[in-house]
Structures are given as structure tokens and as C-alpha cells.
Amino acid sequence: MELNMAETEEQNGFVFLPSVTGEGVLIKRSQVVGSRPNGPNGGAVVYTAAGPSIYTSLQTSQLAKIFDAEVIEGPR
């Protein structure tokens, strides 16, 4: 099995998650374990392997694209 270093770096690299205040957090991709919407005002709560939650201004659908997750559209 050949290891593609570009894919490995992308999966283990860092991603910047912006916050509503204009700041944000830099987190290692492999530390993100999930997310959920953060109420009617938008944004999301991101759960980490280390425990603390991260509040970001990104929508969960945007996070899905960043983390290359499969998005399944349901009825609205």
C-alpha cells in the first residue's frame, strides 16, 4: 500500500475555524470528532477529542465540506 503524503498532510494538518467575534481557533483536523448546529442564529458547535467544545460562525454544511464528510440532503 502506497501512502500519499498530500492526503496524509491534509487529513492531519490544521484548519482555522472562525468565530462570530472575528477571531477563531486553529485546530488539528484529527482532533475534531463532530459538530452540531448552534441554535437559530447560525454557526456550529464543534466537538473535539480533547474535550472542549469550539463555537464557530461556520454552518455545519460548511464544516462538512472542510472535513470532507458525506452530506445527505433531507426534506426541509
N, C-alpha and C. Protein backbone atom coordinates (compact mmCIF):
# COMPACT_ATOMS: atom_id res chain seq x y z
N MET A 1 0.85 -1.18 0.00
CA MET A 1 0.00 0.00 0.00
C MET A 1 0.89 1.24 0.00
N GLU A 2 0.65 2.11 -0.95
CA GLU A 2 1.45 3.34 -1.06
C GLU A 2 0.75 4.46 -0.30
N LEU A 3 1.49 5.19 0.51
CA LEU A 3 0.94 6.28 1.30
C LEU A 3 1.10 7.59 0.55
N ASN A 4 0.01 8.28 0.31
CA ASN A 4 0.04 9.56 -0.37
C ASN A 4 0.26 10.65 0.68
N MET A 5 1.42 11.29 0.67
CA MET A 5 1.76 12.27 1.69
C MET A 5 0.85 13.50 1.65
N ALA A 6 0.38 13.90 0.47
CA ALA A 6 -0.52 15.05 0.38
C ALA A 6 -1.82 14.77 1.10
N GLU A 7 -2.37 13.57 0.92
CA GLU A 7 -3.60 13.20 1.61
C GLU A 7 -3.38 13.13 3.11
N THR A 8 -2.26 12.57 3.52
CA THR A 8 -1.95 12.45 4.95
C THR A 8 -1.84 13.82 5.58
N GLU A 9 -1.14 14.75 4.93
CA GLU A 9 -0.98 16.09 5.48
C GLU A 9 -2.32 16.81 5.55
N GLU A 10 -3.15 16.63 4.53
CA GLU A 10 -4.46 17.28 4.53
C GLU A 10 -5.32 16.75 5.67
N GLN A 11 -5.27 15.47 5.92
CA GLN A 11 -6.08 14.87 6.97
C GLN A 11 -5.54 15.22 8.36
N ASN A 12 -4.23 15.36 8.50
CA ASN A 12 -3.63 15.60 9.81
C ASN A 12 -3.23 17.05 10.03
N GLY A 13 -3.38 17.88 9.01
CA GLY A 13 -3.00 19.28 9.12
C GLY A 13 -3.94 20.06 10.02
N PHE A 14 -3.79 21.35 9.98
CA PHE A 14 -4.59 22.23 10.81
C PHE A 14 -5.64 22.94 9.98
N VAL A 15 -6.72 23.34 10.63
CA VAL A 15 -7.77 24.12 10.00
C VAL A 15 -8.13 25.26 10.95
N PHE A 16 -8.39 26.43 10.37
CA PHE A 16 -8.79 27.60 11.16
C PHE A 16 -10.30 27.70 11.14
N LEU A 17 -10.92 27.72 12.31
CA LEU A 17 -12.37 27.85 12.43
C LEU A 17 -12.67 29.25 12.96
N PRO A 18 -13.28 30.11 12.13
CA PRO A 18 -13.57 31.48 12.57
C PRO A 18 -14.69 31.53 13.60
N SER A 19 -14.70 32.58 14.40
CA SER A 19 -15.78 32.76 15.37
C SER A 19 -16.58 34.00 14.98
N VAL A 20 -17.69 34.20 15.65
CA VAL A 20 -18.53 35.35 15.38
C VAL A 20 -17.81 36.65 15.72
N THR A 21 -16.91 36.62 16.69
CA THR A 21 -16.20 37.83 17.13
C THR A 21 -15.10 38.27 16.16
N GLY A 22 -14.82 37.46 15.15
CA GLY A 22 -13.77 37.81 14.20
C GLY A 22 -12.47 37.09 14.48
N GLU A 23 -12.34 36.55 15.67
CA GLU A 23 -11.19 35.73 15.98
C GLU A 23 -11.50 34.31 15.57
N GLY A 24 -10.82 33.35 16.11
CA GLY A 24 -11.09 31.97 15.78
C GLY A 24 -10.11 31.05 16.48
N VAL A 25 -10.09 29.81 16.02
CA VAL A 25 -9.22 28.83 16.63
C VAL A 25 -8.55 28.00 15.54
N LEU A 26 -7.32 27.66 15.77
CA LEU A 26 -6.57 26.78 14.89
C LEU A 26 -6.55 25.41 15.55
N ILE A 27 -7.08 24.41 14.86
CA ILE A 27 -7.19 23.08 15.46
C ILE A 27 -6.70 22.02 14.47
N LYS A 28 -6.11 20.98 15.01
CA LYS A 28 -5.66 19.86 14.19
C LYS A 28 -6.88 19.09 13.70
N ARG A 29 -6.96 18.83 12.42
CA ARG A 29 -8.12 18.15 11.83
C ARG A 29 -8.46 16.84 12.55
N SER A 30 -7.44 16.09 12.92
CA SER A 30 -7.67 14.79 13.54
C SER A 30 -8.29 14.90 14.93
N GLN A 31 -8.32 16.10 15.52
CA GLN A 31 -8.89 16.29 16.85
C GLN A 31 -10.39 16.60 16.82
N VAL A 32 -10.94 16.86 15.63
CA VAL A 32 -12.36 17.16 15.51
C VAL A 32 -13.13 15.84 15.42
N VAL A 33 -14.11 15.67 16.31
CA VAL A 33 -14.86 14.41 16.33
C VAL A 33 -16.33 14.58 15.92
N GLY A 34 -16.80 15.81 15.80
CA GLY A 34 -18.18 16.01 15.37
C GLY A 34 -18.60 17.46 15.54
N SER A 35 -19.83 17.75 15.08
CA SER A 35 -20.37 19.10 15.26
C SER A 35 -21.89 19.05 15.19
N ARG A 36 -22.51 20.15 15.60
CA ARG A 36 -23.96 20.29 15.52
C ARG A 36 -24.29 21.77 15.34
N PRO A 37 -25.48 22.08 14.81
CA PRO A 37 -25.88 23.48 14.69
C PRO A 37 -25.96 24.13 16.07
N ASN A 38 -25.71 25.43 16.10
CA ASN A 38 -25.74 26.17 17.37
C ASN A 38 -26.92 27.13 17.40
N GLY A 39 -28.11 26.60 17.37
CA GLY A 39 -29.31 27.41 17.50
C GLY A 39 -29.70 28.15 16.23
N PRO A 40 -30.74 28.98 16.33
CA PRO A 40 -31.31 29.63 15.16
C PRO A 40 -30.45 30.75 14.57
N ASN A 41 -29.45 31.22 15.30
CA ASN A 41 -28.61 32.31 14.81
C ASN A 41 -27.48 31.84 13.92
N GLY A 42 -27.40 30.57 13.66
CA GLY A 42 -26.36 30.04 12.79
C GLY A 42 -25.11 29.66 13.56
N GLY A 43 -24.14 29.23 12.82
CA GLY A 43 -22.92 28.77 13.43
C GLY A 43 -23.06 27.33 13.90
N ALA A 44 -22.00 26.83 14.49
CA ALA A 44 -22.00 25.44 14.92
C ALA A 44 -21.13 25.27 16.16
N VAL A 45 -21.40 24.20 16.87
CA VAL A 45 -20.57 23.77 17.98
C VAL A 45 -19.75 22.60 17.45
N VAL A 46 -18.43 22.68 17.59
CA VAL A 46 -17.53 21.63 17.12
C VAL A 46 -17.00 20.89 18.35
N TYR A 47 -17.11 19.57 18.34
CA TYR A 47 -16.65 18.75 19.45
C TYR A 47 -15.25 18.23 19.14
N THR A 48 -14.39 18.23 20.15
CA THR A 48 -13.01 17.80 19.97
C THR A 48 -12.69 16.56 20.80
N ALA A 49 -11.68 15.83 20.36
CA ALA A 49 -11.25 14.63 21.08
C ALA A 49 -10.74 14.97 22.47
N ALA A 50 -10.17 16.15 22.62
CA ALA A 50 -9.60 16.56 23.91
C ALA A 50 -10.68 16.98 24.91
N GLY A 51 -11.89 17.24 24.44
CA GLY A 51 -12.96 17.58 25.36
C GLY A 51 -13.63 18.92 25.17
N PRO A 52 -12.89 20.02 25.05
CA PRO A 52 -13.58 21.31 24.97
C PRO A 52 -14.34 21.47 23.65
N SER A 53 -15.46 22.17 23.70
CA SER A 53 -16.23 22.47 22.50
C SER A 53 -15.75 23.80 21.92
N ILE A 54 -15.87 23.92 20.61
CA ILE A 54 -15.48 25.14 19.91
C ILE A 54 -16.73 25.70 19.24
N TYR A 55 -17.00 26.97 19.47
CA TYR A 55 -18.13 27.63 18.83
C TYR A 55 -17.59 28.38 17.61
N THR A 56 -18.15 28.10 16.44
CA THR A 56 -17.67 28.72 15.21
C THR A 56 -18.83 29.37 14.47
N SER A 57 -18.52 30.37 13.65
CA SER A 57 -19.54 31.03 12.84
C SER A 57 -19.88 30.23 11.59
N LEU A 58 -19.14 29.17 11.31
CA LEU A 58 -19.42 28.34 10.15
C LEU A 58 -20.66 27.49 10.37
N GLN A 59 -21.39 27.23 9.30
CA GLN A 59 -22.54 26.34 9.34
C GLN A 59 -22.04 24.89 9.32
N THR A 60 -22.86 23.97 9.79
CA THR A 60 -22.44 22.56 9.78
C THR A 60 -22.20 22.06 8.35
N SER A 61 -22.95 22.56 7.38
CA SER A 61 -22.72 22.14 5.99
C SER A 61 -21.36 22.62 5.48
N GLN A 62 -20.90 23.79 5.94
CA GLN A 62 -19.57 24.27 5.58
C GLN A 62 -18.50 23.41 6.24
N LEU A 63 -18.73 23.02 7.48
CA LEU A 63 -17.78 22.15 8.18
C LEU A 63 -17.69 20.80 7.49
N ALA A 64 -18.83 20.30 7.01
CA ALA A 64 -18.84 19.01 6.30
C ALA A 64 -17.92 19.06 5.09
N LYS A 65 -17.95 20.16 4.36
CA LYS A 65 -17.07 20.32 3.19
C LYS A 65 -15.61 20.38 3.61
N ILE A 66 -15.32 21.13 4.67
CA ILE A 66 -13.94 21.27 5.14
C ILE A 66 -13.37 19.91 5.55
N PHE A 67 -14.18 19.11 6.22
CA PHE A 67 -13.71 17.82 6.73
C PHE A 67 -14.04 16.66 5.80
N ASP A 68 -14.47 16.99 4.59
CA ASP A 68 -14.73 16.00 3.56
C ASP A 68 -15.72 14.93 4.02
N ALA A 69 -16.79 15.39 4.67
CA ALA A 69 -17.83 14.47 5.13
C ALA A 69 -18.91 14.35 4.06
N GLU A 70 -19.52 13.20 4.01
CA GLU A 70 -20.62 12.99 3.07
C GLU A 70 -21.84 13.76 3.57
N VAL A 71 -22.44 14.56 2.71
CA VAL A 71 -23.61 15.34 3.06
C VAL A 71 -24.84 14.69 2.43
N ILE A 72 -25.82 14.37 3.24
CA ILE A 72 -27.05 13.77 2.76
C ILE A 72 -28.16 14.80 2.97
N GLU A 73 -28.76 15.23 1.88
CA GLU A 73 -29.84 16.23 1.95
C GLU A 73 -31.14 15.53 2.31
N GLY A 74 -31.85 16.08 3.29
CA GLY A 74 -33.12 15.54 3.70
C GLY A 74 -34.23 16.53 3.41
N PRO A 75 -35.46 16.19 3.72
CA PRO A 75 -36.58 17.12 3.50
C PRO A 75 -36.45 18.34 4.41
N ARG A 76 -36.94 19.44 3.93
CA ARG A 76 -36.87 20.67 4.74
C ARG A 76 -38.22 21.09 5.16
